[in-house]
C-alpha cells in the first residue's frame, strides 16, 4: 500500500466517522425535541390551581436542555474535523 493509498484510507475513515457522529447528534437532538414537545403539552395543560404549574414545566425544560449539549460530544466533531483536514493535506502533498 502506498502512502497515497494509506492517506486516502485515513481520509475515508475520518469522513465515515464524521457521518456517524452527525447521525448520533441528530438522534440526540430528536430525543430532546420529543422531550420538549411533551413538556410543551404539560405546559399548555397546566392551570394555576394544579400541583404542576407553568413555571415548573419551564424549569424542567431548562434542566433537560442543559444536559443536551454535553451529550452531543462537540469535542469529537472538532477532533474529527482536524483529522479530515490533516488527511486531505497529506493527500495533497502526495499528489
N, C-alpha and C. Protein backbone atom coordinates (compact mmCIF):
# COMPACT_ATOMS: atom_id res chain seq x y z
N UNK A 1 0.85 -1.18 0.00
CA UNK A 1 0.00 0.00 0.00
C UNK A 1 0.89 1.24 0.00
N UNK A 2 0.61 2.14 -0.90
CA UNK A 2 1.40 3.37 -0.99
C UNK A 2 0.94 4.36 0.08
N UNK A 3 1.78 5.39 0.30
CA UNK A 3 1.40 6.46 1.24
C UNK A 3 0.09 7.11 0.81
N UNK A 4 -0.05 7.33 -0.50
CA UNK A 4 -1.28 7.96 -1.01
C UNK A 4 -2.49 7.08 -0.72
N UNK A 5 -2.37 5.79 -0.92
CA UNK A 5 -3.47 4.86 -0.62
C UNK A 5 -3.81 4.89 0.87
N UNK A 6 -2.76 4.86 1.69
CA UNK A 6 -2.95 4.88 3.14
C UNK A 6 -3.64 6.18 3.58
N UNK A 7 -3.16 7.31 3.06
CA UNK A 7 -3.76 8.60 3.42
C UNK A 7 -5.19 8.71 2.91
N UNK A 8 -5.45 8.14 1.75
CA UNK A 8 -6.82 8.10 1.23
C UNK A 8 -7.73 7.28 2.12
N UNK A 9 -7.21 6.18 2.63
CA UNK A 9 -7.97 5.33 3.57
C UNK A 9 -8.25 6.08 4.86
N UNK A 10 -7.25 6.78 5.38
CA UNK A 10 -7.46 7.59 6.59
C UNK A 10 -8.53 8.65 6.38
N UNK A 11 -8.49 9.29 5.22
CA UNK A 11 -9.48 10.32 4.91
C UNK A 11 -10.88 9.71 4.86
N UNK A 12 -11.03 8.59 4.18
CA UNK A 12 -12.34 7.94 4.06
C UNK A 12 -12.86 7.53 5.44
N UNK A 13 -11.99 6.95 6.27
CA UNK A 13 -12.41 6.54 7.62
C UNK A 13 -12.83 7.75 8.45
N UNK A 14 -12.10 8.85 8.33
CA UNK A 14 -12.45 10.06 9.09
C UNK A 14 -13.77 10.64 8.62
N UNK A 15 -14.00 10.64 7.32
CA UNK A 15 -15.27 11.12 6.77
C UNK A 15 -16.42 10.23 7.25
N UNK A 16 -16.21 8.92 7.21
CA UNK A 16 -17.25 7.99 7.69
C UNK A 16 -17.54 8.21 9.18
N UNK A 17 -16.49 8.42 9.97
CA UNK A 17 -16.66 8.66 11.40
C UNK A 17 -17.45 9.95 11.62
N UNK A 18 -17.18 10.96 10.81
CA UNK A 18 -17.92 12.21 10.89
C UNK A 18 -19.40 12.00 10.62
N UNK A 19 -19.72 11.16 9.63
CA UNK A 19 -21.12 10.87 9.34
C UNK A 19 -21.79 10.17 10.51
N UNK A 20 -21.09 9.24 11.14
CA UNK A 20 -21.63 8.55 12.32
C UNK A 20 -21.89 9.55 13.45
N UNK A 21 -20.96 10.48 13.64
CA UNK A 21 -21.12 11.48 14.69
C UNK A 21 -22.33 12.38 14.41
N UNK A 22 -22.49 12.78 13.15
CA UNK A 22 -23.65 13.61 12.80
C UNK A 22 -24.96 12.86 13.03
N UNK A 23 -24.97 11.58 12.72
CA UNK A 23 -26.17 10.76 12.96
C UNK A 23 -26.49 10.70 14.44
N UNK A 24 -25.47 10.50 15.27
CA UNK A 24 -25.69 10.45 16.72
C UNK A 24 -26.20 11.79 17.24
N UNK A 25 -25.67 12.88 16.72
CA UNK A 25 -26.12 14.20 17.14
C UNK A 25 -27.58 14.41 16.75
N UNK A 26 -27.93 14.04 15.53
CA UNK A 26 -29.32 14.19 15.09
C UNK A 26 -30.26 13.37 15.97
N UNK A 27 -29.85 12.16 16.33
CA UNK A 27 -30.69 11.32 17.20
C UNK A 27 -30.84 11.95 18.58
N UNK A 28 -29.75 12.49 19.12
CA UNK A 28 -29.82 13.15 20.43
C UNK A 28 -30.73 14.36 20.39
N UNK A 29 -30.60 15.16 19.35
CA UNK A 29 -31.44 16.34 19.22
C UNK A 29 -32.91 15.97 19.02
N UNK A 30 -33.16 14.89 18.30
CA UNK A 30 -34.54 14.44 18.11
C UNK A 30 -35.14 14.00 19.44
N UNK A 31 -34.37 13.28 20.25
CA UNK A 31 -34.87 12.89 21.57
C UNK A 31 -35.17 14.12 22.42
N UNK A 32 -34.29 15.11 22.36
CA UNK A 32 -34.51 16.35 23.11
C UNK A 32 -35.76 17.07 22.60
N UNK A 33 -35.95 17.09 21.28
CA UNK A 33 -37.13 17.72 20.71
C UNK A 33 -38.40 17.02 21.20
N UNK A 34 -38.37 15.71 21.25
CA UNK A 34 -39.53 14.95 21.74
C UNK A 34 -39.80 15.26 23.21
N UNK A 35 -38.74 15.35 24.01
CA UNK A 35 -38.91 15.70 25.42
C UNK A 35 -39.54 17.08 25.57
N UNK A 36 -39.02 18.05 24.82
CA UNK A 36 -39.55 19.41 24.90
C UNK A 36 -41.00 19.43 24.42
N UNK A 37 -41.31 18.64 23.43
CA UNK A 37 -42.69 18.57 22.94
C UNK A 37 -43.63 18.06 24.03
N UNK A 38 -43.19 17.05 24.78
CA UNK A 38 -44.00 16.54 25.90
C UNK A 38 -44.16 17.61 26.98
N UNK A 39 -43.07 18.31 27.26
CA UNK A 39 -43.15 19.39 28.24
C UNK A 39 -44.08 20.49 27.76
N UNK A 40 -44.06 20.80 26.48
CA UNK A 40 -44.92 21.84 25.93
C UNK A 40 -46.39 21.48 26.14
N UNK A 41 -46.70 20.22 25.99
CA UNK A 41 -48.09 19.78 26.23
C UNK A 41 -48.46 19.91 27.70
N UNK A 42 -47.53 19.55 28.59
CA UNK A 42 -47.79 19.72 30.02
C UNK A 42 -47.97 21.21 30.36
N UNK A 43 -47.16 22.05 29.74
CA UNK A 43 -47.24 23.49 29.96
C UNK A 43 -48.61 24.00 29.51
N UNK A 44 -49.04 23.55 28.35
CA UNK A 44 -50.31 24.00 27.80
C UNK A 44 -51.47 23.59 28.70
N UNK A 45 -51.38 22.41 29.30
CA UNK A 45 -52.48 21.89 30.12
C UNK A 45 -52.44 22.39 31.57
N UNK A 46 -51.31 22.92 32.00
CA UNK A 46 -51.17 23.34 33.41
C UNK A 46 -52.07 24.54 33.70
N UNK A 47 -52.67 24.50 34.89
CA UNK A 47 -53.50 25.62 35.35
C UNK A 47 -52.94 26.07 36.70
N UNK A 48 -53.21 27.31 37.06
CA UNK A 48 -52.65 27.85 38.32
C UNK A 48 -53.00 27.01 39.54
N UNK A 49 -54.15 26.38 39.55
CA UNK A 49 -54.55 25.60 40.72
C UNK A 49 -53.95 24.18 40.73
N UNK A 50 -53.31 23.78 39.64
CA UNK A 50 -52.70 22.44 39.57
C UNK A 50 -51.43 22.38 40.41
N UNK A 51 -51.08 21.17 40.76
CA UNK A 51 -49.84 20.95 41.51
C UNK A 51 -48.64 21.33 40.64
N UNK A 52 -48.68 20.96 39.36
CA UNK A 52 -47.62 21.30 38.43
C UNK A 52 -48.03 22.57 37.69
N UNK A 53 -47.22 23.59 37.79
CA UNK A 53 -47.53 24.89 37.20
C UNK A 53 -46.60 25.17 36.01
N UNK A 54 -46.95 26.17 35.23
CA UNK A 54 -46.15 26.50 34.06
C UNK A 54 -44.68 26.76 34.41
N UNK A 55 -44.45 27.45 35.51
CA UNK A 55 -43.05 27.75 35.87
C UNK A 55 -42.26 26.47 36.18
N UNK A 56 -42.95 25.46 36.72
CA UNK A 56 -42.29 24.18 36.96
C UNK A 56 -41.88 23.53 35.65
N UNK A 57 -42.79 23.55 34.70
CA UNK A 57 -42.52 22.93 33.40
C UNK A 57 -41.37 23.64 32.70
N UNK A 58 -41.35 24.97 32.75
CA UNK A 58 -40.24 25.70 32.13
C UNK A 58 -38.91 25.35 32.79
N UNK A 59 -38.92 25.18 34.09
CA UNK A 59 -37.69 24.78 34.79
C UNK A 59 -37.24 23.38 34.34
N UNK A 60 -38.20 22.48 34.13
CA UNK A 60 -37.85 21.14 33.65
C UNK A 60 -37.22 21.20 32.25
N UNK A 61 -37.78 22.06 31.40
CA UNK A 61 -37.23 22.20 30.06
C UNK A 61 -35.80 22.73 30.13
N UNK A 62 -35.59 23.75 30.94
CA UNK A 62 -34.24 24.31 31.10
C UNK A 62 -33.27 23.24 31.58
N UNK A 63 -33.69 22.45 32.54
CA UNK A 63 -32.84 21.39 33.07
C UNK A 63 -32.54 20.33 31.99
N UNK A 64 -33.54 19.98 31.22
CA UNK A 64 -33.34 18.98 30.16
C UNK A 64 -32.37 19.50 29.10
N UNK A 65 -32.50 20.78 28.75
CA UNK A 65 -31.65 21.34 27.70
C UNK A 65 -30.20 21.49 28.14
N UNK A 66 -29.99 21.74 29.40
CA UNK A 66 -28.62 21.85 29.91
C UNK A 66 -27.87 20.53 29.70
N UNK A 67 -28.58 19.43 29.77
CA UNK A 67 -27.94 18.13 29.59
C UNK A 67 -27.73 17.73 28.14
N UNK A 68 -28.30 18.46 27.20
CA UNK A 68 -28.20 18.06 25.79
C UNK A 68 -26.81 18.32 25.23
N UNK A 69 -26.27 19.50 25.39
CA UNK A 69 -25.01 19.86 24.75
C UNK A 69 -23.85 18.93 25.12
N UNK A 70 -23.64 18.61 26.40
CA UNK A 70 -22.53 17.70 26.70
C UNK A 70 -22.67 16.34 26.03
N UNK A 71 -23.90 15.89 25.82
CA UNK A 71 -24.12 14.60 25.19
C UNK A 71 -23.88 14.62 23.69
N UNK A 72 -23.76 15.79 23.10
CA UNK A 72 -23.54 15.88 21.66
C UNK A 72 -22.09 15.60 21.28
N UNK A 73 -21.20 15.65 22.25
CA UNK A 73 -19.77 15.38 22.05
C UNK A 73 -19.18 16.24 20.93
N UNK A 74 -19.32 17.54 21.10
CA UNK A 74 -18.78 18.50 20.15
C UNK A 74 -17.27 18.33 20.03
N UNK A 75 -16.63 17.92 21.11
CA UNK A 75 -15.18 17.70 21.08
C UNK A 75 -14.80 16.66 20.03
N UNK A 76 -15.62 15.62 19.88
CA UNK A 76 -15.32 14.60 18.88
C UNK A 76 -15.49 15.14 17.46
N UNK A 77 -16.45 16.03 17.27
CA UNK A 77 -16.62 16.66 15.95
C UNK A 77 -15.38 17.46 15.58
N UNK A 78 -14.89 18.24 16.53
CA UNK A 78 -13.72 19.08 16.26
C UNK A 78 -12.49 18.20 16.00
N UNK A 79 -12.30 17.19 16.80
CA UNK A 79 -11.16 16.28 16.62
C UNK A 79 -11.22 15.63 15.24
N UNK A 80 -12.41 15.19 14.85
CA UNK A 80 -12.54 14.53 13.55
C UNK A 80 -12.34 15.52 12.40
N UNK A 81 -12.78 16.75 12.57
CA UNK A 81 -12.56 17.76 11.53
C UNK A 81 -11.07 17.98 11.32
N UNK A 82 -10.30 17.98 12.40
CA UNK A 82 -8.85 18.12 12.30
C UNK A 82 -8.26 16.92 11.57
N UNK A 83 -8.72 15.73 11.89
CA UNK A 83 -8.22 14.52 11.21
C UNK A 83 -8.50 14.56 9.71
N UNK A 84 -9.70 15.02 9.35
CA UNK A 84 -10.04 15.12 7.93
C UNK A 84 -9.12 16.12 7.24
N UNK A 85 -8.91 17.27 7.87
CA UNK A 85 -8.04 18.30 7.28
C UNK A 85 -6.61 17.78 7.13
N UNK A 86 -6.12 17.08 8.14
CA UNK A 86 -4.76 16.52 8.07
C UNK A 86 -4.65 15.49 6.96
N UNK A 87 -5.65 14.62 6.85
CA UNK A 87 -5.62 13.59 5.80
C UNK A 87 -5.68 14.22 4.42
N UNK A 88 -6.52 15.26 4.26
CA UNK A 88 -6.58 15.96 2.96
C UNK A 88 -5.23 16.61 2.62
N UNK A 89 -4.60 17.21 3.63
CA UNK A 89 -3.30 17.85 3.40
C UNK A 89 -2.26 16.84 2.98
N UNK A 90 -2.26 15.68 3.59
CA UNK A 90 -1.29 14.63 3.23
C UNK A 90 -1.54 14.14 1.82
N UNK A 91 -2.82 14.03 1.43
CA UNK A 91 -3.12 13.60 0.06
C UNK A 91 -2.62 14.64 -0.94
N UNK A 92 -2.75 15.90 -0.60
CA UNK A 92 -2.29 16.98 -1.48
C UNK A 92 -0.77 16.92 -1.64
N UNK A 93 -0.07 16.66 -0.56
CA UNK A 93 1.40 16.57 -0.58
C UNK A 93 1.82 15.37 -1.42
N UNK A 94 1.07 14.26 -1.32
CA UNK A 94 1.41 13.05 -2.05
C UNK A 94 1.13 13.15 -3.55
N UNK A 95 0.35 14.16 -3.96
CA UNK A 95 -0.02 14.29 -5.38
C UNK A 95 1.15 14.66 -6.24
